PDB file of N, CA and C in Angstrom:
ATOM      1  N   UNK A   1       0.812  -1.090  14.209  1.00  0.00           N
ATOM      2  CA  UNK A   1      -0.156   0.174  13.485  1.00  0.00           C
ATOM      3  C   UNK A   1      -1.682  -0.756  13.206  1.00  0.00           C
ATOM      4  N   UNK A   2      -2.865   0.001  13.776  1.00  0.00           N
ATOM      5  CA  UNK A   2      -4.204  -0.553  13.109  1.00  0.00           C
ATOM      6  C   UNK A   2      -4.879   0.661  12.468  1.00  0.00           C
ATOM      7  N   UNK A   3      -5.379   0.223  11.666  1.00  0.00           N
ATOM      8  CA  UNK A   3      -6.132   1.512  10.968  1.00  0.00           C
ATOM      9  C   UNK A   3      -6.986   2.337  11.899  1.00  0.00           C
ATOM     10  N   UNK A   4      -7.545   1.951  12.809  1.00  0.00           N
ATOM     11  CA  UNK A   4      -8.345   2.754  14.291  1.00  0.00           C
ATOM     12  C   UNK A   4      -7.130   3.531  14.839  1.00  0.00           C
ATOM     13  N   UNK A   5      -5.881   3.251  14.849  1.00  0.00           N
ATOM     14  CA  UNK A   5      -4.869   3.993  15.254  1.00  0.00           C
ATOM     15  C   UNK A   5      -4.402   5.266  14.412  1.00  0.00           C
ATOM     16  N   UNK A   6      -4.769   5.451  13.431  1.00  0.00           N
ATOM     17  CA  UNK A   6      -4.369   6.264  12.439  1.00  0.00           C
ATOM     18  C   UNK A   6      -5.291   7.510  12.595  1.00  0.00           C
ATOM     19  N   UNK A   7      -4.913   8.537  12.819  1.00  0.00           N
ATOM     20  CA  UNK A   7      -5.380  10.181  12.925  1.00  0.00           C
ATOM     21  C   UNK A   7      -5.577  10.617  11.051  1.00  0.00           C
ATOM     22  N   UNK A   8      -6.874  11.173  10.993  1.00  0.00           N
ATOM     23  CA  UNK A   8      -7.040  11.329   9.459  1.00  0.00           C
ATOM     24  C   UNK A   8      -5.566  11.945   8.638  1.00  0.00           C
ATOM     25  N   UNK A   9      -4.760  12.830   9.532  1.00  0.00           N
ATOM     26  CA  UNK A   9      -3.659  13.078   8.578  1.00  0.00           C
ATOM     27  C   UNK A   9      -2.696  11.876   8.388  1.00  0.00           C
ATOM     28  N   UNK A  10      -2.397  11.306   9.515  1.00  0.00           N
ATOM     29  CA  UNK A  10      -1.426   9.873   9.363  1.00  0.00           C
ATOM     30  C   UNK A  10      -2.173   9.328   8.219  1.00  0.00           C
ATOM     31  N   UNK A  11      -3.391   9.014   8.471  1.00  0.00           N
ATOM     32  CA  UNK A  11      -4.474   8.254   7.114  1.00  0.00           C
ATOM     33  C   UNK A  11      -3.865   9.000   5.711  1.00  0.00           C
ATOM     34  N   UNK A  12      -3.935   9.829   5.608  1.00  0.00           N
ATOM     35  CA  UNK A  12      -3.368  10.263   4.235  1.00  0.00           C
ATOM     36  C   UNK A  12      -2.237  10.110   3.750  1.00  0.00           C
ATOM     37  N   UNK A  13      -1.504  10.323   4.811  1.00  0.00           N
ATOM     38  CA  UNK A  13       0.309   9.485   4.600  1.00  0.00           C
ATOM     39  C   UNK A  13      -0.023   8.529   4.089  1.00  0.00           C
ATOM     40  N   UNK A  14      -0.429   7.444   4.856  1.00  0.00           N
ATOM     41  CA  UNK A  14      -0.542   6.377   4.472  1.00  0.00           C
ATOM     42  C   UNK A  14      -1.114   5.939   3.150  1.00  0.00           C
ATOM     43  N   UNK A  15      -1.852   6.280   2.782  1.00  0.00           N
ATOM     44  CA  UNK A  15      -2.993   6.514   1.759  1.00  0.00           C
ATOM     45  C   UNK A  15      -1.961   6.829   0.343  1.00  0.00           C
ATOM     46  N   UNK A  16      -1.238   8.046   0.680  1.00  0.00           N
ATOM     47  CA  UNK A  16      -0.802   8.141  -0.521  1.00  0.00           C
ATOM     48  C   UNK A  16       0.676   7.557  -0.413  1.00  0.00           C
ATOM     49  N   UNK A  17       1.319   6.811   0.295  1.00  0.00           N
ATOM     50  CA  UNK A  17       2.428   6.175  -0.096  1.00  0.00           C
ATOM     51  C   UNK A  17       2.003   4.801  -0.551  1.00  0.00           C
ATOM     52  N   UNK A  18       0.606   4.225  -0.231  1.00  0.00           N
ATOM     53  CA  UNK A  18       0.375   3.113  -0.802  1.00  0.00           C
ATOM     54  C   UNK A  18       0.230   2.867  -2.238  1.00  0.00           C
ATOM     55  N   UNK A  19      -0.702   4.100  -2.451  1.00  0.00           N
ATOM     56  CA  UNK A  19      -1.232   4.337  -3.955  1.00  0.00           C
ATOM     57  C   UNK A  19      -0.132   4.589  -4.982  1.00  0.00           C
ATOM     58  N   UNK A  20       1.362   5.164  -4.219  1.00  0.00           N
ATOM     59  CA  UNK A  20       2.446   5.406  -5.244  1.00  0.00           C
ATOM     60  C   UNK A  20       3.051   3.862  -5.488  1.00  0.00           C
ATOM     61  N   UNK A  21       2.960   3.223  -4.036  1.00  0.00           N
ATOM     62  CA  UNK A  21       3.897   1.623  -4.075  1.00  0.00           C
ATOM     63  C   UNK A  21       3.021   0.819  -5.175  1.00  0.00           C
ATOM     64  N   UNK A  22       1.584   1.004  -5.059  1.00  0.00           N
ATOM     65  CA  UNK A  22       0.732   0.117  -6.030  1.00  0.00           C
ATOM     66  C   UNK A  22       0.780   0.394  -7.469  1.00  0.00           C
ATOM     67  N   UNK A  23       1.190   1.563  -7.635  1.00  0.00           N
ATOM     68  CA  UNK A  23       1.334   2.032  -9.143  1.00  0.00           C
ATOM     69  C   UNK A  23       2.492   1.721  -9.698  1.00  0.00           C
ATOM     70  N   UNK A  24       3.875   1.549  -8.548  1.00  0.00           N
ATOM     71  CA  UNK A  24       5.347   1.049  -9.302  1.00  0.00           C
ATOM     72  C   UNK A  24       5.116  -0.476  -9.697  1.00  0.00           C
ATOM     73  N   UNK A  25       5.769  -1.093 -10.216  1.00  0.00           N
ATOM     74  CA  UNK A  25       6.145  -2.344 -10.700  1.00  0.00           C
ATOM     75  C   UNK A  25       6.472  -3.139  -9.255  1.00  0.00           C
ATOM     76  N   UNK A  26       5.967  -4.224  -9.075  1.00  0.00           N
ATOM     77  CA  UNK A  26       6.308  -4.994  -7.733  1.00  0.00           C
ATOM     78  C   UNK A  26       7.566  -5.391  -7.794  1.00  0.00           C
ATOM     79  N   UNK A  27       8.728  -5.519  -8.646  1.00  0.00           N
ATOM     80  CA  UNK A  27       9.733  -5.404  -7.885  1.00  0.00           C
ATOM     81  C   UNK A  27      10.525  -3.957  -7.828  1.00  0.00           C
ATOM     82  N   UNK A  28       9.862  -2.692  -7.774  1.00  0.00           N
ATOM     83  CA  UNK A  28      10.494  -1.695  -7.079  1.00  0.00           C
ATOM     84  C   UNK A  28       9.764  -1.147  -6.095  1.00  0.00           C
ATOM     85  N   UNK A  29       8.936  -1.739  -5.650  1.00  0.00           N
ATOM     86  CA  UNK A  29       7.795  -1.085  -4.221  1.00  0.00           C
ATOM     87  C   UNK A  29       8.381  -1.128  -3.235  1.00  0.00           C
ATOM     88  N   UNK A  30       9.543  -2.189  -2.797  1.00  0.00           N
ATOM     89  CA  UNK A  30      10.440  -1.698  -1.624  1.00  0.00           C
ATOM     90  C   UNK A  30      11.126  -0.474  -1.766  1.00  0.00           C
ATOM     91  N   UNK A  31      11.685  -0.280  -3.162  1.00  0.00           N
ATOM     92  CA  UNK A  31      12.369   1.241  -3.308  1.00  0.00           C
ATOM     93  C   UNK A  31      11.586   2.651  -2.996  1.00  0.00           C
ATOM     94  N   UNK A  32      10.195   2.380  -3.411  1.00  0.00           N
ATOM     95  CA  UNK A  32       9.475   3.458  -3.547  1.00  0.00           C
ATOM     96  C   UNK A  32       8.730   3.365  -1.993  1.00  0.00           C
ATOM     97  N   UNK A  33       8.556   2.551  -1.126  1.00  0.00           N
ATOM     98  CA  UNK A  33       8.410   2.533   0.632  1.00  0.00           C
ATOM     99  C   UNK A  33       9.530   3.529   1.246  1.00  0.00           C
ATOM    100  N   UNK A  34      10.761   2.673   0.676  1.00  0.00           N
ATOM    101  CA  UNK A  34      12.052   3.449   1.569  1.00  0.00           C
ATOM    102  C   UNK A  34      12.090   4.836   1.371  1.00  0.00           C
ATOM    103  N   UNK A  35      11.974   5.578  -0.315  1.00  0.00           N
ATOM    104  CA  UNK A  35      12.192   6.480  -0.456  1.00  0.00           C
ATOM    105  C   UNK A  35      10.922   7.569   0.580  1.00  0.00           C
ATOM    106  N   UNK A  36       9.647   7.058   0.358  1.00  0.00           N
ATOM    107  CA  UNK A  36       8.712   7.526   0.934  1.00  0.00           C
ATOM    108  C   UNK A  36       8.631   7.690   2.138  1.00  0.00           C
ATOM    109  N   UNK A  37       9.003   6.641   2.621  1.00  0.00           N
ATOM    110  CA  UNK A  37       8.676   6.749   4.438  1.00  0.00           C
ATOM    111  C   UNK A  37      10.158   6.995   4.985  1.00  0.00           C
ATOM    112  N   UNK A  38      11.461   6.956   4.501  1.00  0.00           N
ATOM    113  CA  UNK A  38      12.437   7.737   5.043  1.00  0.00           C
ATOM    114  C   UNK A  38      12.741   6.446   6.059  1.00  0.00           C
ATOM    115  N   UNK A  39      13.010   6.687   7.615  1.00  0.00           N
ATOM    116  CA  UNK A  39      12.831   6.477   8.621  1.00  0.00           C
ATOM    117  C   UNK A  39      11.729   6.125   9.334  1.00  0.00           C
ATOM    118  N   UNK A  40      10.650   6.577   9.142  1.00  0.00           N
ATOM    119  CA  UNK A  40       9.463   5.747   9.774  1.00  0.00           C
ATOM    120  C   UNK A  40       9.438   4.121   9.509  1.00  0.00           C
ATOM    121  N   UNK A  41       9.963   3.482  10.200  1.00  0.00           N
ATOM    122  CA  UNK A  41      10.007   2.154  10.092  1.00  0.00           C
ATOM    123  C   UNK A  41       8.347   1.884  10.767  1.00  0.00           C
ATOM    124  N   UNK A  42       7.539   2.232  11.646  1.00  0.00           N
ATOM    125  CA  UNK A  42       6.161   1.846  11.558  1.00  0.00           C
ATOM    126  C   UNK A  42       5.398   1.997  10.380  1.00  0.00           C
ATOM    127  N   UNK A  43       5.357   3.099   9.842  1.00  0.00           N
ATOM    128  CA  UNK A  43       4.834   3.271   8.671  1.00  0.00           C
ATOM    129  C   UNK A  43       5.090   2.440   7.313  1.00  0.00           C
ATOM    130  N   UNK A  44       6.429   2.356   7.119  1.00  0.00           N
ATOM    131  CA  UNK A  44       6.906   1.589   6.229  1.00  0.00           C
ATOM    132  C   UNK A  44       6.472  -0.111   6.500  1.00  0.00           C
ATOM    133  N   UNK A  45       6.428  -0.453   7.514  1.00  0.00           N
ATOM    134  CA  UNK A  45       6.005  -2.043   7.758  1.00  0.00           C
ATOM    135  C   UNK A  45       4.651  -1.842   7.856  1.00  0.00           C
ATOM    136  N   UNK A  46       3.979  -1.158   8.132  1.00  0.00           N
ATOM    137  CA  UNK A  46       2.288  -1.241   8.208  1.00  0.00           C
ATOM    138  C   UNK A  46       1.927  -1.008   6.368  1.00  0.00           C
ATOM    139  N   UNK A  47       2.590  -0.288   5.667  1.00  0.00           N
ATOM    140  CA  UNK A  47       1.912  -0.093   4.103  1.00  0.00           C
ATOM    141  C   UNK A  47       3.018  -1.405   3.480  1.00  0.00           C
ATOM    142  N   UNK A  48       3.787  -2.250   3.915  1.00  0.00           N
ATOM    143  CA  UNK A  48       4.557  -3.397   3.413  1.00  0.00           C
ATOM    144  C   UNK A  48       3.190  -4.278   3.609  1.00  0.00           C
ATOM    145  N   UNK A  49       2.811  -4.421   4.793  1.00  0.00           N
ATOM    146  CA  UNK A  49       1.557  -5.302   4.866  1.00  0.00           C
ATOM    147  C   UNK A  49       0.303  -5.056   4.323  1.00  0.00           C
ATOM    148  N   UNK A  50       0.281  -3.910   3.957  1.00  0.00           N
ATOM    149  CA  UNK A  50      -0.871  -3.715   3.355  1.00  0.00           C
ATOM    150  C   UNK A  50      -0.665  -4.231   1.730  1.00  0.00           C
ATOM    151  N   UNK A  51       0.518  -4.011   1.241  1.00  0.00           N
ATOM    152  CA  UNK A  51       0.841  -4.360  -0.137  1.00  0.00           C
ATOM    153  C   UNK A  51       0.726  -5.840  -0.195  1.00  0.00           C
ATOM    154  N   UNK A  52       1.525  -6.698   0.843  1.00  0.00           N
ATOM    155  CA  UNK A  52       1.218  -7.993   0.942  1.00  0.00           C
ATOM    156  C   UNK A  52       0.038  -8.462   0.772  1.00  0.00           C
ATOM    157  N   UNK A  53      -1.119  -7.951   1.662  1.00  0.00           N
ATOM    158  CA  UNK A  53      -2.571  -8.263   1.590  1.00  0.00           C
ATOM    159  C   UNK A  53      -3.182  -7.990   0.104  1.00  0.00           C
ATOM    160  N   UNK A  54      -2.639  -7.127  -0.496  1.00  0.00           N
ATOM    161  CA  UNK A  54      -3.216  -6.788  -1.614  1.00  0.00           C
ATOM    162  C   UNK A  54      -2.279  -7.409  -2.901  1.00  0.00           C
ATOM    163  N   UNK A  55      -1.372  -8.105  -2.499  1.00  0.00           N
ATOM    164  CA  UNK A  55      -0.788  -9.268  -3.712  1.00  0.00           C
ATOM    165  C   UNK A  55      -1.748 -10.255  -3.413  1.00  0.00           C
ATOM    166  N   UNK A  56      -1.815 -10.600  -1.774  1.00  0.00           N
ATOM    167  CA  UNK A  56      -2.642 -12.139  -1.998  1.00  0.00           C
ATOM    168  C   UNK A  56      -3.938 -11.959  -2.644  1.00  0.00           C
ATOM    169  N   UNK A  57      -4.667 -10.916  -2.720  1.00  0.00           N
ATOM    170  CA  UNK A  57      -5.973 -10.678  -3.331  1.00  0.00           C
ATOM    171  C   UNK A  57      -6.009 -10.689  -4.625  1.00  0.00           C
ATOM    172  N   UNK A  58      -4.949 -10.209  -5.230  1.00  0.00           N
ATOM    173  CA  UNK A  58      -4.330 -10.533  -6.652  1.00  0.00           C
ATOM    174  C   UNK A  58      -4.568 -11.661  -7.262  1.00  0.00           C
ATOM    175  N   UNK A  59      -3.693 -12.447  -6.352  1.00  0.00           N
ATOM    176  CA  UNK A  59      -3.477 -14.025  -6.460  1.00  0.00           C
ATOM    177  C   UNK A  59      -4.852 -14.776  -6.325  1.00  0.00           C
ATOM    178  N   UNK A  60      -5.394 -14.432  -5.423  1.00  0.00           N
ATOM    179  CA  UNK A  60      -6.548 -15.361  -5.381  1.00  0.00           C
ATOM    180  C   UNK A  60      -8.022 -14.608  -6.339  1.00  0.00           C
ATOM    181  N   UNK A  61      -7.944 -13.374  -7.022  1.00  0.00           N
ATOM    182  CA  UNK A  61      -8.774 -13.265  -8.014  1.00  0.00           C
ATOM    183  C   UNK A  61      -8.413 -13.359  -9.290  1.00  0.00           C
ATOM    184  N   UNK A  62      -7.319 -13.290  -9.344  1.00  0.00           N
ATOM    185  CA  UNK A  62      -6.251 -13.710 -10.713  1.00  0.00           C
ATOM    186  C   UNK A  62      -5.907 -12.457 -11.474  1.00  0.00           C
ATOM    187  N   UNK A  63      -6.047 -11.167 -10.987  1.00  0.00           N
ATOM    188  CA  UNK A  63      -5.965  -9.821 -11.654  1.00  0.00           C
ATOM    189  C   UNK A  63      -5.726  -9.136 -10.535  1.00  0.00           C
ATOM    190  N   UNK A  64      -5.195  -7.756 -10.752  1.00  0.00           N
ATOM    191  CA  UNK A  64      -4.890  -7.083  -9.821  1.00  0.00           C
ATOM    192  C   UNK A  64      -6.506  -6.116  -9.200  1.00  0.00           C
ATOM    193  N   UNK A  65      -6.386  -6.198  -8.113  1.00  0.00           N
ATOM    194  CA  UNK A  65      -7.534  -5.883  -7.337  1.00  0.00           C
ATOM    195  C   UNK A  65      -7.702  -4.760  -7.512  1.00  0.00           C
ATOM    196  N   UNK A  66      -6.769  -3.579  -7.667  1.00  0.00           N
ATOM    197  CA  UNK A  66      -6.797  -2.114  -7.999  1.00  0.00           C
ATOM    198  C   UNK A  66      -7.983  -1.896  -9.221  1.00  0.00           C
ATOM    199  N   UNK A  67      -7.473  -1.901 -10.061  1.00  0.00           N
ATOM    200  CA  UNK A  67      -8.091  -1.761 -11.389  1.00  0.00           C
ATOM    201  C   UNK A  67      -9.619  -2.625 -11.417  1.00  0.00           C
ATOM    202  N   UNK A  68      -9.728  -3.928 -10.993  1.00  0.00           N
ATOM    203  CA  UNK A  68     -10.812  -4.271 -10.973  1.00  0.00           C
ATOM    204  C   UNK A  68     -11.967  -3.467 -10.049  1.00  0.00           C
ATOM    205  N   UNK A  69     -11.369  -3.088  -8.719  1.00  0.00           N
ATOM    206  CA  UNK A  69     -12.307  -2.263  -7.849  1.00  0.00           C
ATOM    207  C   UNK A  69     -12.475  -1.117  -8.730  1.00  0.00           C
ATOM    208  N   UNK A  70     -11.202  -0.164  -9.482  1.00  0.00           N
ATOM    209  CA  UNK A  70     -12.150   0.665 -10.407  1.00  0.00           C
ATOM    210  C   UNK A  70     -12.849   0.570 -10.994  1.00  0.00           C
ATOM    211  N   UNK A  71     -12.943  -0.251 -11.706  1.00  0.00           N
ATOM    212  CA  UNK A  71     -14.077  -0.831 -13.216  1.00  0.00           C
ATOM    213  C   UNK A  71     -15.745  -0.771 -12.296  1.00  0.00           C
ATOM    214  N   UNK A  72     -15.567  -1.131 -11.269  1.00  0.00           N
ATOM    215  CA  UNK A  72     -16.858  -1.382 -10.133  1.00  0.00           C
ATOM    216  C   UNK A  72     -17.471  -0.141  -9.655  1.00  0.00           C
ATOM    217  N   UNK A  73     -16.561   0.946  -9.587  1.00  0.00           N
ATOM    218  CA  UNK A  73     -16.773   2.389  -9.337  1.00  0.00           C
ATOM    219  C   UNK A  73     -17.848   3.067 -10.416  1.00  0.00           C
TER     220      UNK A  73
END
């Protein structure tokens, strides 16, 4: 799944689940994905990849990207 493959409805679903997962402690994110995605393995794998990207960015910048981005807005 690529961002260009997502219609607006699907993108909102991904965005909602991603936000929930990012708000959860890292050790609970897999549970959040399992509950939110159910049997939709494609969405779960896509969001897991986005979470991995966010974790790499956090490690690079030395702090969570989401709160950092919020302060810049």
